[in-house]
Amino acid sequence: MCRGSVYDIISGPPLHCMIELIETGGLLGRILGQAAVWLLAFCAAIYALDWAVWQVRMLTPGGGTEVIPVSRMVVAPLKGGREEYYPDGRIDVRCSVSLLPQGIPQPASQPCWWVRRHPVLFER
């Protein structure tokens, strides 16, 4: 249906035409489909490996998580969409010694490398 049809040059082909091109088994569609599957499989494998390493670290005493002190700021909304920031001391944040977030929602949902790069915790 989309082959030979006239569409606006500026907006490009309609979405259903692009989906039809991918579904008809063209070379581009197969390459994009395989690339998406491999990318999803790679991300799942990385997460599973990171989770397994984190679980092994959790079995050792004191491993798997760390406690990092961060500054805490309380944010108070004002009129006109403005905000006021009040320092509220330092608190200890438990984080996971891993590449990706682990233990969601607790005990350590953020990786330690991320907590070290963001030393201020804003609470709204």
PDB file of N, CA and C in Angstrom:
ATOM      1  N   MET A   1       0.815  -1.191   0.000  1.00  0.00           N
ATOM      2  CA  MET A   1       0.000   0.000   0.000  1.00  0.00           C
ATOM      3  C   MET A   1       0.859   1.256   0.000  1.00  0.00           C
ATOM      4  N   CYS A   2       2.011   1.209   0.650  1.00  0.00           N
ATOM      5  CA  CYS A   2       2.844   2.399   0.754  1.00  0.00           C
ATOM      6  C   CYS A   2       3.771   2.570  -0.440  1.00  0.00           C
ATOM      7  N   ARG A   3       4.017   1.503  -1.176  1.00  0.00           N
ATOM      8  CA  ARG A   3       4.919   1.631  -2.319  1.00  0.00           C
ATOM      9  C   ARG A   3       4.245   2.433  -3.421  1.00  0.00           C
ATOM     10  N   GLY A   4       4.948   3.410  -3.895  1.00  0.00           N
ATOM     11  CA  GLY A   4       4.429   4.227  -4.983  1.00  0.00           C
ATOM     12  C   GLY A   4       3.461   5.294  -4.521  1.00  0.00           C
ATOM     13  N   SER A   5       3.153   5.351  -3.241  1.00  0.00           N
ATOM     14  CA  SER A   5       2.235   6.371  -2.765  1.00  0.00           C
ATOM     15  C   SER A   5       2.984   7.693  -2.626  1.00  0.00           C
ATOM     16  N   VAL A   6       2.240   8.766  -2.698  1.00  0.00           N
ATOM     17  CA  VAL A   6       2.828  10.099  -2.611  1.00  0.00           C
ATOM     18  C   VAL A   6       2.656  10.593  -1.183  1.00  0.00           C
ATOM     19  N   TYR A   7       3.741  11.058  -0.591  1.00  0.00           N
ATOM     20  CA  TYR A   7       3.678  11.630   0.739  1.00  0.00           C
ATOM     21  C   TYR A   7       4.527  12.886   0.754  1.00  0.00           C
ATOM     22  N   ASP A   8       4.329  13.680   1.756  1.00  0.00           N
ATOM     23  CA  ASP A   8       5.004  14.965   1.874  1.00  0.00           C
ATOM     24  C   ASP A   8       6.512  14.748   2.012  1.00  0.00           C
ATOM     25  N   ILE A   9       7.298  15.460   1.230  1.00  0.00           N
ATOM     26  CA  ILE A   9       8.749  15.312   1.239  1.00  0.00           C
ATOM     27  C   ILE A   9       9.337  15.794   2.562  1.00  0.00           C
ATOM     28  N   ILE A  10       8.746  16.828   3.146  1.00  0.00           N
ATOM     29  CA  ILE A  10       9.289  17.387   4.375  1.00  0.00           C
ATOM     30  C   ILE A  10       9.034  16.457   5.561  1.00  0.00           C
ATOM     31  N   SER A  11       7.818  15.930   5.686  1.00  0.00           N
ATOM     32  CA  SER A  11       7.491  15.110   6.853  1.00  0.00           C
ATOM     33  C   SER A  11       7.951  13.665   6.700  1.00  0.00           C
ATOM     34  N   GLY A  12       8.259  13.234   5.509  1.00  0.00           N
ATOM     35  CA  GLY A  12       8.724  11.864   5.305  1.00  0.00           C
ATOM     36  C   GLY A  12       7.566  10.889   5.215  1.00  0.00           C
ATOM     37  N   PRO A  13       7.874   9.609   5.110  1.00  0.00           N
ATOM     38  CA  PRO A  13       6.806   8.624   4.983  1.00  0.00           C
ATOM     39  C   PRO A  13       6.049   8.470   6.294  1.00  0.00           C
ATOM     40  N   PRO A  14       4.769   8.119   6.211  1.00  0.00           N
ATOM     41  CA  PRO A  14       3.998   7.900   7.432  1.00  0.00           C
ATOM     42  C   PRO A  14       4.559   6.722   8.232  1.00  0.00           C
ATOM     43  N   LEU A  15       4.241   6.697   9.518  1.00  0.00           N
ATOM     44  CA  LEU A  15       4.767   5.665  10.402  1.00  0.00           C
ATOM     45  C   LEU A  15       4.352   4.273   9.961  1.00  0.00           C
ATOM     46  N   HIS A  16       3.100   4.115   9.501  1.00  0.00           N
ATOM     47  CA  HIS A  16       2.661   2.776   9.096  1.00  0.00           C
ATOM     48  C   HIS A  16       3.435   2.281   7.874  1.00  0.00           C
ATOM     49  N   CYS A  17       3.930   3.191   7.043  1.00  0.00           N
ATOM     50  CA  CYS A  17       4.745   2.775   5.897  1.00  0.00           C
ATOM     51  C   CYS A  17       6.115   2.301   6.348  1.00  0.00           C
ATOM     52  N   MET A  18       6.694   2.983   7.362  1.00  0.00           N
ATOM     53  CA  MET A  18       7.999   2.551   7.865  1.00  0.00           C
ATOM     54  C   MET A  18       7.877   1.196   8.569  1.00  0.00           C
ATOM     55  N   ILE A  19       6.792   0.998   9.308  1.00  0.00           N
ATOM     56  CA  ILE A  19       6.585  -0.291   9.977  1.00  0.00           C
ATOM     57  C   ILE A  19       6.387  -1.385   8.944  1.00  0.00           C
ATOM     58  N   GLU A  20       5.651  -1.089   7.885  1.00  0.00           N
ATOM     59  CA  GLU A  20       5.429  -2.076   6.822  1.00  0.00           C
ATOM     60  C   GLU A  20       6.753  -2.434   6.144  1.00  0.00           C
ATOM     61  N   LEU A  21       7.638  -1.466   5.966  1.00  0.00           N
ATOM     62  CA  LEU A  21       8.940  -1.729   5.367  1.00  0.00           C
ATOM     63  C   LEU A  21       9.759  -2.674   6.236  1.00  0.00           C
ATOM     64  N   ILE A  22       9.710  -2.461   7.553  1.00  0.00           N
ATOM     65  CA  ILE A  22      10.461  -3.319   8.462  1.00  0.00           C
ATOM     66  C   ILE A  22       9.834  -4.713   8.515  1.00  0.00           C
ATOM     67  N   GLU A  23       8.500  -4.790   8.519  1.00  0.00           N
ATOM     68  CA  GLU A  23       7.820  -6.080   8.640  1.00  0.00           C
ATOM     69  C   GLU A  23       7.892  -6.926   7.371  1.00  0.00           C
ATOM     70  N   THR A  24       8.116  -6.318   6.224  1.00  0.00           N
ATOM     71  CA  THR A  24       8.130  -7.096   4.993  1.00  0.00           C
ATOM     72  C   THR A  24       9.379  -7.931   4.852  1.00  0.00           C
ATOM     73  N   GLY A  25      10.304  -7.834   5.773  1.00  0.00           N
ATOM     74  CA  GLY A  25      11.492  -8.687   5.749  1.00  0.00           C
ATOM     75  C   GLY A  25      12.596  -8.131   4.873  1.00  0.00           C
ATOM     76  N   GLY A  26      12.624  -6.837   4.671  1.00  0.00           N
ATOM     77  CA  GLY A  26      13.711  -6.235   3.930  1.00  0.00           C
ATOM     78  C   GLY A  26      15.012  -6.362   4.705  1.00  0.00           C
ATOM     79  N   LEU A  27      16.100  -6.170   4.042  1.00  0.00           N
ATOM     80  CA  LEU A  27      17.416  -6.308   4.670  1.00  0.00           C
ATOM     81  C   LEU A  27      17.569  -5.349   5.842  1.00  0.00           C
ATOM     82  N   LEU A  28      17.130  -4.118   5.663  1.00  0.00           N
ATOM     83  CA  LEU A  28      17.235  -3.133   6.743  1.00  0.00           C
ATOM     84  C   LEU A  28      16.400  -3.551   7.944  1.00  0.00           C
ATOM     85  N   GLY A  29      15.217  -4.058   7.701  1.00  0.00           N
ATOM     86  CA  GLY A  29      14.343  -4.498   8.786  1.00  0.00           C
ATOM     87  C   GLY A  29      14.943  -5.655   9.560  1.00  0.00           C
ATOM     88  N   ARG A  30      15.543  -6.609   8.866  1.00  0.00           N
ATOM     89  CA  ARG A  30      16.163  -7.739   9.547  1.00  0.00           C
ATOM     90  C   ARG A  30      17.369  -7.291  10.365  1.00  0.00           C
ATOM     91  N   ILE A  31      18.168  -6.391   9.806  1.00  0.00           N
ATOM     92  CA  ILE A  31      19.350  -5.896  10.522  1.00  0.00           C
ATOM     93  C   ILE A  31      18.931  -5.134  11.777  1.00  0.00           C
ATOM     94  N   LEU A  32      17.935  -4.256  11.659  1.00  0.00           N
ATOM     95  CA  LEU A  32      17.472  -3.495  12.821  1.00  0.00           C
ATOM     96  C   LEU A  32      16.849  -4.412  13.867  1.00  0.00           C
ATOM     97  N   GLY A  33      16.090  -5.397  13.441  1.00  0.00           N
ATOM     98  CA  GLY A  33      15.479  -6.334  14.371  1.00  0.00           C
ATOM     99  C   GLY A  33      16.521  -7.152  15.113  1.00  0.00           C
ATOM    100  N   GLN A  34      17.507  -7.664  14.384  1.00  0.00           N
ATOM    101  CA  GLN A  34      18.560  -8.449  15.030  1.00  0.00           C
ATOM    102  C   GLN A  34      19.408  -7.580  15.962  1.00  0.00           C
ATOM    103  N   ALA A  35      19.671  -6.355  15.552  1.00  0.00           N
ATOM    104  CA  ALA A  35      20.449  -5.454  16.402  1.00  0.00           C
ATOM    105  C   ALA A  35      19.698  -5.162  17.705  1.00  0.00           C
ATOM    106  N   ALA A  36      18.382  -4.973  17.616  1.00  0.00           N
ATOM    107  CA  ALA A  36      17.590  -4.711  18.819  1.00  0.00           C
ATOM    108  C   ALA A  36      17.598  -5.921  19.747  1.00  0.00           C
ATOM    109  N   VAL A  37      17.477  -7.116  19.187  1.00  0.00           N
ATOM    110  CA  VAL A  37      17.483  -8.327  20.011  1.00  0.00           C
ATOM    111  C   VAL A  37      18.841  -8.509  20.679  1.00  0.00           C
ATOM    112  N   TRP A  38      19.932  -8.317  19.936  1.00  0.00           N
ATOM    113  CA  TRP A  38      21.268  -8.476  20.507  1.00  0.00           C
ATOM    114  C   TRP A  38      21.547  -7.418  21.575  1.00  0.00           C
ATOM    115  N   LEU A  39      21.099  -6.200  21.346  1.00  0.00           N
ATOM    116  CA  LEU A  39      21.292  -5.143  22.338  1.00  0.00           C
ATOM    117  C   LEU A  39      20.531  -5.457  23.624  1.00  0.00           C
ATOM    118  N   LEU A  40      19.309  -5.923  23.496  1.00  0.00           N
ATOM    119  CA  LEU A  40      18.525  -6.294  24.669  1.00  0.00           C
ATOM    120  C   LEU A  40      19.174  -7.462  25.411  1.00  0.00           C
ATOM    121  N   ALA A  41      19.657  -8.463  24.676  1.00  0.00           N
ATOM    122  CA  ALA A  41      20.312  -9.616  25.297  1.00  0.00           C
ATOM    123  C   ALA A  41      21.607  -9.191  25.997  1.00  0.00           C
ATOM    124  N   PHE A  42      22.369  -8.289  25.386  1.00  0.00           N
ATOM    125  CA  PHE A  42      23.614  -7.801  25.979  1.00  0.00           C
ATOM    126  C   PHE A  42      23.337  -7.050  27.282  1.00  0.00           C
ATOM    127  N   CYS A  43      22.338  -6.170  27.270  1.00  0.00           N
ATOM    128  CA  CYS A  43      22.002  -5.414  28.480  1.00  0.00           C
ATOM    129  C   CYS A  43      21.523  -6.343  29.591  1.00  0.00           C
ATOM    130  N   ALA A  44      20.716  -7.343  29.238  1.00  0.00           N
ATOM    131  CA  ALA A  44      20.239  -8.299  30.248  1.00  0.00           C
ATOM    132  C   ALA A  44      21.403  -9.100  30.822  1.00  0.00           C
ATOM    133  N   ALA A  45      22.354  -9.492  29.987  1.00  0.00           N
ATOM    134  CA  ALA A  45      23.510 -10.258  30.461  1.00  0.00           C
ATOM    135  C   ALA A  45      24.384  -9.412  31.387  1.00  0.00           C
ATOM    136  N   ILE A  46      24.607  -8.161  31.050  1.00  0.00           N
ATOM    137  CA  ILE A  46      25.411  -7.266  31.897  1.00  0.00           C
ATOM    138  C   ILE A  46      24.732  -7.079  33.249  1.00  0.00           C
ATOM    139  N   TYR A  47      23.423  -6.858  33.240  1.00  0.00           N
ATOM    140  CA  TYR A  47      22.714  -6.668  34.504  1.00  0.00           C
ATOM    141  C   TYR A  47      22.759  -7.946  35.342  1.00  0.00           C
ATOM    142  N   ALA A  48      22.546  -9.103  34.711  1.00  0.00           N
ATOM    143  CA  ALA A  48      22.574 -10.372  35.447  1.00  0.00           C
ATOM    144  C   ALA A  48      23.957 -10.641  36.033  1.00  0.00           C
ATOM    145  N   LEU A  49      25.001 -10.359  35.284  1.00  0.00           N
ATOM    146  CA  LEU A  49      26.362 -10.561  35.779  1.00  0.00           C
ATOM    147  C   LEU A  49      26.661  -9.612  36.938  1.00  0.00           C
ATOM    148  N   ASP A  50      26.273  -8.365  36.803  1.00  0.00           N
ATOM    149  CA  ASP A  50      26.486  -7.385  37.865  1.00  0.00           C
ATOM    150  C   ASP A  50      25.706  -7.780  39.113  1.00  0.00           C
ATOM    151  N   TRP A  51      24.471  -8.246  38.954  1.00  0.00           N
ATOM    152  CA  TRP A  51      23.665  -8.681  40.085  1.00  0.00           C
ATOM    153  C   TRP A  51      24.299  -9.885  40.777  1.00  0.00           C
ATOM    154  N   ALA A  52      24.810 -10.846  39.996  1.00  0.00           N
ATOM    155  CA  ALA A  52      25.439 -12.042  40.575  1.00  0.00           C
ATOM    156  C   ALA A  52      26.688 -11.669  41.368  1.00  0.00           C
ATOM    157  N   VAL A  53      27.504 -10.790  40.837  1.00  0.00           N
ATOM    158  CA  VAL A  53      28.709 -10.354  41.553  1.00  0.00           C
ATOM    159  C   VAL A  53      28.313  -9.625  42.831  1.00  0.00           C
ATOM    160  N   TRP A  54      27.282  -8.806  42.775  1.00  0.00           N
ATOM    161  CA  TRP A  54      26.814  -8.078  43.955  1.00  0.00           C
ATOM    162  C   TRP A  54      26.290  -9.046  45.013  1.00  0.00           C
ATOM    163  N   GLN A  55      25.575 -10.087  44.581  1.00  0.00           N
ATOM    164  CA  GLN A  55      25.061 -11.076  45.537  1.00  0.00           C
ATOM    165  C   GLN A  55      26.208 -11.813  46.241  1.00  0.00           C
ATOM    166  N   VAL A  56      27.250 -12.148  45.498  1.00  0.00           N
ATOM    167  CA  VAL A  56      28.412 -12.805  46.108  1.00  0.00           C
ATOM    168  C   VAL A  56      29.073 -11.869  47.108  1.00  0.00           C
ATOM    169  N   ARG A  57      29.177 -10.595  46.770  1.00  0.00           N
ATOM    170  CA  ARG A  57      29.757  -9.621  47.704  1.00  0.00           C
ATOM    171  C   ARG A  57      28.893  -9.467  48.950  1.00  0.00           C
ATOM    172  N   MET A  58      27.570  -9.584  48.799  1.00  0.00           N
ATOM    173  CA  MET A  58      26.666  -9.442  49.943  1.00  0.00           C
ATOM    174  C   MET A  58      26.841 -10.581  50.943  1.00  0.00           C
ATOM    175  N   LEU A  59      27.335 -11.727  50.497  1.00  0.00           N
ATOM    176  CA  LEU A  59      27.535 -12.864  51.400  1.00  0.00           C
ATOM    177  C   LEU A  59      28.706 -12.657  52.343  1.00  0.00           C
ATOM    178  N   THR A  60      29.669 -11.841  51.934  1.00  0.00           N
ATOM    179  CA  THR A  60      30.824 -11.577  52.792  1.00  0.00           C
ATOM    180  C   THR A  60      30.465 -10.486  53.797  1.00  0.00           C
ATOM    181  N   PRO A  61      30.993 -10.544  55.007  1.00  0.00           N
ATOM    182  CA  PRO A  61      30.682  -9.506  55.998  1.00  0.00           C
ATOM    183  C   PRO A  61      31.203  -8.137  55.547  1.00  0.00           C
ATOM    184  N   GLY A  62      30.307  -7.160  55.561  1.00  0.00           N
ATOM    185  CA  GLY A  62      30.699  -5.794  55.203  1.00  0.00           C
ATOM    186  C   GLY A  62      30.857  -5.571  53.712  1.00  0.00           C
ATOM    187  N   GLY A  63      30.537  -6.533  52.886  1.00  0.00           N
ATOM    188  CA  GLY A  63      30.703  -6.381  51.444  1.00  0.00           C
ATOM    189  C   GLY A  63      29.377  -6.118  50.758  1.00  0.00           C
ATOM    190  N   GLY A  64      29.448  -5.632  49.556  1.00  0.00           N
ATOM    191  CA  GLY A  64      28.237  -5.384  48.774  1.00  0.00           C
ATOM    192  C   GLY A  64      27.658  -4.006  48.923  1.00  0.00           C
ATOM    193  N   THR A  65      27.790  -3.418  50.103  1.00  0.00           N
ATOM    194  CA  THR A  65      27.278  -2.065  50.317  1.00  0.00           C
ATOM    195  C   THR A  65      28.305  -1.239  51.071  1.00  0.00           C
ATOM    196  N   GLU A  66      28.201   0.058  50.925  1.00  0.00           N
ATOM    197  CA  GLU A  66      29.023   1.011  51.658  1.00  0.00           C
ATOM    198  C   GLU A  66      28.120   2.109  52.198  1.00  0.00           C
ATOM    199  N   VAL A  67      28.630   2.858  53.131  1.00  0.00           N
ATOM    200  CA  VAL A  67      27.929   4.021  53.666  1.00  0.00           C
ATOM    201  C   VAL A  67      28.778   5.242  53.348  1.00  0.00           C
ATOM    202  N   ILE A  68      28.179   6.194  52.622  1.00  0.00           N
ATOM    203  CA  ILE A  68      28.895   7.399  52.199  1.00  0.00           C
ATOM    204  C   ILE A  68      28.172   8.622  52.761  1.00  0.00           C
ATOM    205  N   PRO A  69      28.883   9.523  53.443  1.00  0.00           N
ATOM    206  CA  PRO A  69      28.236  10.741  53.943  1.00  0.00           C
ATOM    207  C   PRO A  69      28.003  11.737  52.810  1.00  0.00           C
ATOM    208  N   VAL A  70      26.790  12.298  52.782  1.00  0.00           N
ATOM    209  CA  VAL A  70      26.444  13.316  51.786  1.00  0.00           C
ATOM    210  C   VAL A  70      25.757  14.484  52.487  1.00  0.00           C
ATOM    211  N   SER A  71      25.833  15.638  51.875  1.00  0.00           N
ATOM    212  CA  SER A  71      25.149  16.821  52.409  1.00  0.00           C
ATOM    213  C   SER A  71      23.672  16.742  52.039  1.00  0.00           C
ATOM    214  N   ARG A  72      22.829  17.199  52.954  1.00  0.00           N
ATOM    215  CA  ARG A  72      21.382  17.171  52.710  1.00  0.00           C
ATOM    216  C   ARG A  72      20.876  18.596  52.608  1.00  0.00           C
ATOM    217  N   MET A  73      20.084  18.863  51.569  1.00  0.00           N
ATOM    218  CA  MET A  73      19.477  20.175  51.368  1.00  0.00           C
ATOM    219  C   MET A  73      17.966  19.991  51.277  1.00  0.00           C
ATOM    220  N   VAL A  74      17.230  20.774  52.059  1.00  0.00           N
ATOM    221  CA  VAL A  74      15.777  20.756  51.999  1.00  0.00           C
ATOM    222  C   VAL A  74      15.342  21.880  51.071  1.00  0.00           C
ATOM    223  N   VAL A  75      14.508  21.560  50.096  1.00  0.00           N
ATOM    224  CA  VAL A  75      14.049  22.531  49.112  1.00  0.00           C
ATOM    225  C   VAL A  75      12.622  22.921  49.451  1.00  0.00           C
ATOM    226  N   ALA A  76      12.387  24.224  49.660  1.00  0.00           N
ATOM    227  CA  ALA A  76      11.057  24.734  49.990  1.00  0.00           C
ATOM    228  C   ALA A  76      10.513  25.531  48.799  1.00  0.00           C
ATOM    229  N   PRO A  77       9.323  25.177  48.317  1.00  0.00           N
ATOM    230  CA  PRO A  77       8.741  25.930  47.199  1.00  0.00           C
ATOM    231  C   PRO A  77       8.240  27.303  47.664  1.00  0.00           C
ATOM    232  N   LEU A  78       8.434  28.290  46.805  1.00  0.00           N
ATOM    233  CA  LEU A  78       7.962  29.643  47.065  1.00  0.00           C
ATOM    234  C   LEU A  78       6.975  30.037  45.972  1.00  0.00           C
ATOM    235  N   LYS A  79       6.422  31.237  46.103  1.00  0.00           N
ATOM    236  CA  LYS A  79       5.508  31.736  45.072  1.00  0.00           C
ATOM    237  C   LYS A  79       6.246  31.978  43.767  1.00  0.00           C
ATOM    238  N   GLY A  80       5.540  31.881  42.669  1.00  0.00           N
ATOM    239  CA  GLY A  80       6.127  32.175  41.369  1.00  0.00           C
ATOM    240  C   GLY A  80       7.042  31.072  40.856  1.00  0.00           C
ATOM    241  N   GLY A  81       6.929  29.869  41.411  1.00  0.00           N
ATOM    242  CA  GLY A  81       7.748  28.759  40.929  1.00  0.00           C
ATOM    243  C   GLY A  81       9.193  28.795  41.412  1.00  0.00           C
ATOM    244  N   ARG A  82       9.491  29.684  42.359  1.00  0.00           N
ATOM    245  CA  ARG A  82      10.854  29.753  42.882  1.00  0.00           C
ATOM    246  C   ARG A  82      11.033  28.750  44.011  1.00  0.00           C
ATOM    247  N   GLU A  83      12.281  28.499  44.363  1.00  0.00           N
ATOM    248  CA  GLU A  83      12.600  27.568  45.433  1.00  0.00           C
ATOM    249  C   GLU A  83      13.648  28.170  46.357  1.00  0.00           C
ATOM    250  N   GLU A  84      13.568  27.792  47.631  1.00  0.00           N
ATOM    251  CA  GLU A  84      14.564  28.207  48.609  1.00  0.00           C
ATOM    252  C   GLU A  84      15.239  26.944  49.143  1.00  0.00           C
ATOM    253  N   TYR A  85      16.558  26.996  49.292  1.00  0.00           N
ATOM    254  CA  TYR A  85      17.343  25.841  49.720  1.00  0.00           C
ATOM    255  C   TYR A  85      17.861  26.066  51.137  1.00  0.00           C
ATOM    256  N   TYR A  86      17.619  25.063  52.008  1.00  0.00           N
ATOM    257  CA  TYR A  86      18.069  25.128  53.392  1.00  0.00           C
ATOM    258  C   TYR A  86      19.010  23.955  53.663  1.00  0.00           C
ATOM    259  N   PRO A  87      20.255  24.228  54.073  1.00  0.00           N
ATOM    260  CA  PRO A  87      21.154  23.118  54.412  1.00  0.00           C
ATOM    261  C   PRO A  87      20.656  22.412  55.676  1.00  0.00           C
ATOM    262  N   ASP A  88      20.753  21.095  55.669  1.00  0.00           N
ATOM    263  CA  ASP A  88      20.231  20.307  56.784  1.00  0.00           C
ATOM    264  C   ASP A  88      21.266  19.303  57.280  1.00  0.00           C
ATOM    265  N   GLY A  89      22.536  19.679  57.220  1.00  0.00           N
ATOM    266  CA  GLY A  89      23.591  18.829  57.757  1.00  0.00           C
ATOM    267  C   GLY A  89      24.001  17.714  56.803  1.00  0.00           C
ATOM    268  N   ARG A  90      24.641  16.712  57.383  1.00  0.00           N
ATOM    269  CA  ARG A  90      25.120  15.574  56.587  1.00  0.00           C
ATOM    270  C   ARG A  90      24.419  14.315  57.054  1.00  0.00           C
ATOM    271  N   ILE A  91      24.146  13.425  56.095  1.00  0.00           N
ATOM    272  CA  ILE A  91      23.545  12.139  56.425  1.00  0.00           C
ATOM    273  C   ILE A  91      24.357  11.048  55.743  1.00  0.00           C
ATOM    274  N   ASP A  92      24.222   9.837  56.258  1.00  0.00           N
ATOM    275  CA  ASP A  92      24.897   8.692  55.664  1.00  0.00           C
ATOM    276  C   ASP A  92      23.937   7.989  54.703  1.00  0.00           C
ATOM    277  N   VAL A  93      24.407   7.744  53.487  1.00  0.00           N
ATOM    278  CA  VAL A  93      23.610   7.071  52.469  1.00  0.00           C
ATOM    279  C   VAL A  93      24.234   5.712  52.190  1.00  0.00           C
ATOM    280  N   ARG A  94      23.415   4.670  52.276  1.00  0.00           N
ATOM    281  CA  ARG A  94      23.887   3.319  51.960  1.00  0.00           C
ATOM    282  C   ARG A  94      23.789   3.131  50.448  1.00  0.00           C
ATOM    283  N   CYS A  95      24.867   2.620  49.847  1.00  0.00           N
ATOM    284  CA  CYS A  95      24.918   2.427  48.400  1.00  0.00           C
ATOM    285  C   CYS A  95      25.490   1.046  48.087  1.00  0.00           C
ATOM    286  N   SER A  96      25.250   0.587  46.866  1.00  0.00           N
ATOM    287  CA  SER A  96      25.734  -0.736  46.456  1.00  0.00           C
ATOM    288  C   SER A  96      27.056  -0.605  45.716  1.00  0.00           C
ATOM    289  N   VAL A  97      27.976  -1.522  46.012  1.00  0.00           N
ATOM    290  CA  VAL A  97      29.266  -1.553  45.331  1.00  0.00           C
ATOM    291  C   VAL A  97      29.049  -2.380  44.062  1.00  0.00           C
ATOM    292  N   SER A  98      28.533  -1.711  43.039  1.00  0.00           N
ATOM    293  CA  SER A  98      28.207  -2.397  41.791  1.00  0.00           C
ATOM    294  C   SER A  98      28.176  -1.382  40.656  1.00  0.00           C
ATOM    295  N   LEU A  99      28.028  -1.892  39.460  1.00  0.00           N
ATOM    296  CA  LEU A  99      27.968  -1.035  38.280  1.00  0.00           C
ATOM    297  C   LEU A  99      26.585  -0.426  38.118  1.00  0.00           C
ATOM    298  N   LEU A 100      25.557  -1.218  38.376  1.00  0.00           N
ATOM    299  CA  LEU A 100      24.172  -0.794  38.190  1.00  0.00           C
ATOM    300  C   LEU A 100      23.450  -0.775  39.533  1.00  0.00           C
ATOM    301  N   PRO A 101      22.299  -0.079  39.621  1.00  0.00           N
ATOM    302  CA  PRO A 101      21.549  -0.067  40.883  1.00  0.00           C
ATOM    303  C   PRO A 101      21.123  -1.480  41.276  1.00  0.00           C
ATOM    304  N   GLN A 102      21.264  -1.821  42.555  1.00  0.00           N
ATOM    305  CA  GLN A 102      20.911  -3.145  43.065  1.00  0.00           C
ATOM    306  C   GLN A 102      20.071  -2.979  44.316  1.00  0.00           C
ATOM    307  N   GLY A 103      19.339  -4.024  44.660  1.00  0.00           N
ATOM    308  CA  GLY A 103      18.581  -4.031  45.894  1.00  0.00           C
ATOM    309  C   GLY A 103      17.441  -3.048  45.931  1.00  0.00           C
ATOM    310  N   ILE A 104      16.828  -2.798  44.796  1.00  0.00           N
ATOM    311  CA  ILE A 104      15.767  -1.795  44.730  1.00  0.00           C
ATOM    312  C   ILE A 104      14.546  -2.326  45.455  1.00  0.00           C
ATOM    313  N   PRO A 105      13.833  -1.634  46.299  1.00  0.00           N
ATOM    314  CA  PRO A 105      14.107  -0.262  46.703  1.00  0.00           C
ATOM    315  C   PRO A 105      15.090  -0.161  47.857  1.00  0.00           C
ATOM    316  N   GLN A 106      15.369  -1.235  48.540  1.00  0.00           N
ATOM    317  CA  GLN A 106      16.320  -1.202  49.641  1.00  0.00           C
ATOM    318  C   GLN A 106      17.231  -2.403  49.516  1.00  0.00           C
ATOM    319  N   PRO A 107      18.315  -2.559  50.110  1.00  0.00           N
ATOM    320  CA  PRO A 107      18.969  -1.691  51.075  1.00  0.00           C
ATOM    321  C   PRO A 107      19.866  -0.655  50.427  1.00  0.00           C
ATOM    322  N   ALA A 108      20.264  -0.850  49.178  1.00  0.00           N
ATOM    323  CA  ALA A 108      21.192   0.102  48.552  1.00  0.00           C
ATOM    324  C   ALA A 108      20.782   0.261  47.099  1.00  0.00           C
ATOM    325  N   SER A 109      19.924   1.201  46.833  1.00  0.00           N
ATOM    326  CA  SER A 109      19.385   1.294  45.488  1.00  0.00           C
ATOM    327  C   SER A 109      20.301   2.020  44.509  1.00  0.00           C
ATOM    328  N   GLN A 110      21.226   2.808  44.993  1.00  0.00           N
ATOM    329  CA  GLN A 110      22.107   3.549  44.092  1.00  0.00           C
ATOM    330  C   GLN A 110      23.521   2.997  44.165  1.00  0.00           C
ATOM    331  N   PRO A 111      24.203   2.930  43.012  1.00  0.00           N
ATOM    332  CA  PRO A 111      25.598   2.490  43.060  1.00  0.00           C
ATOM    333  C   PRO A 111      26.488   3.552  43.719  1.00  0.00           C
ATOM    334  N   CYS A 112      27.548   3.094  44.372  1.00  0.00           N
ATOM    335  CA  CYS A 112      28.416   4.012  45.120  1.00  0.00           C
ATOM    336  C   CYS A 112      29.101   5.028  44.212  1.00  0.00           C
ATOM    337  N   TRP A 113      29.459   4.636  42.984  1.00  0.00           N
ATOM    338  CA  TRP A 113      30.110   5.588  42.096  1.00  0.00           C
ATOM    339  C   TRP A 113      29.176   6.754  41.800  1.00  0.00           C
ATOM    340  N   TRP A 114      27.874   6.513  41.752  1.00  0.00           N
ATOM    341  CA  TRP A 114      26.910   7.583  41.484  1.00  0.00           C
ATOM    342  C   TRP A 114      26.771   8.484  42.707  1.00  0.00           C
ATOM    343  N   VAL A 115      26.736   7.894  43.904  1.00  0.00           N
ATOM    344  CA  VAL A 115      26.602   8.678  45.139  1.00  0.00           C
ATOM    345  C   VAL A 115      27.826   9.564  45.335  1.00  0.00           C
ATOM    346  N   ARG A 116      29.021   9.056  45.021  1.00  0.00           N
ATOM    347  CA  ARG A 116      30.239   9.871  45.160  1.00  0.00           C
ATOM    348  C   ARG A 116      30.240  11.056  44.195  1.00  0.00           C
ATOM    349  N   ARG A 117      29.649  10.882  43.019  1.00  0.00           N
ATOM    350  CA  ARG A 117      29.611  11.979  42.042  1.00  0.00           C
ATOM    351  C   ARG A 117      28.511  12.987  42.337  1.00  0.00           C
ATOM    352  N   HIS A 118      27.534  12.621  43.184  1.00  0.00           N
ATOM    353  CA  HIS A 118      26.442  13.509  43.565  1.00  0.00           C
ATOM    354  C   HIS A 118      26.424  13.634  45.091  1.00  0.00           C
ATOM    355  N   PRO A 119      27.338  14.452  45.653  1.00  0.00           N
ATOM    356  CA  PRO A 119      27.503  14.501  47.106  1.00  0.00           C
ATOM    357  C   PRO A 119      26.448  15.311  47.851  1.00  0.00           C
ATOM    358  N   VAL A 120      25.447  15.845  47.151  1.00  0.00           N
ATOM    359  CA  VAL A 120      24.391  16.620  47.803  1.00  0.00           C
ATOM    360  C   VAL A 120      23.048  15.951  47.509  1.00  0.00           C
ATOM    361  N   LEU A 121      22.279  15.691  48.558  1.00  0.00           N
ATOM    362  CA  LEU A 121      20.959  15.077  48.440  1.00  0.00           C
ATOM    363  C   LEU A 121      19.907  16.160  48.618  1.00  0.00           C
ATOM    364  N   PHE A 122      19.090  16.385  47.589  1.00  0.00           N
ATOM    365  CA  PHE A 122      18.032  17.385  47.642  1.00  0.00           C
ATOM    366  C   PHE A 122      16.719  16.695  47.971  1.00  0.00           C
ATOM    367  N   GLU A 123      16.050  17.164  49.026  1.00  0.00           N
ATOM    368  CA  GLU A 123      14.746  16.611  49.403  1.00  0.00           C
ATOM    369  C   GLU A 123      13.706  17.693  49.231  1.00  0.00           C
ATOM    370  N   ARG A 124      12.698  17.375  48.455  1.00  0.00           N
ATOM    371  CA  ARG A 124      11.623  18.337  48.177  1.00  0.00           C
ATOM    372  C   ARG A 124      10.412  18.038  49.029  1.00  0.00           C
TER     373      ARG A 124
END
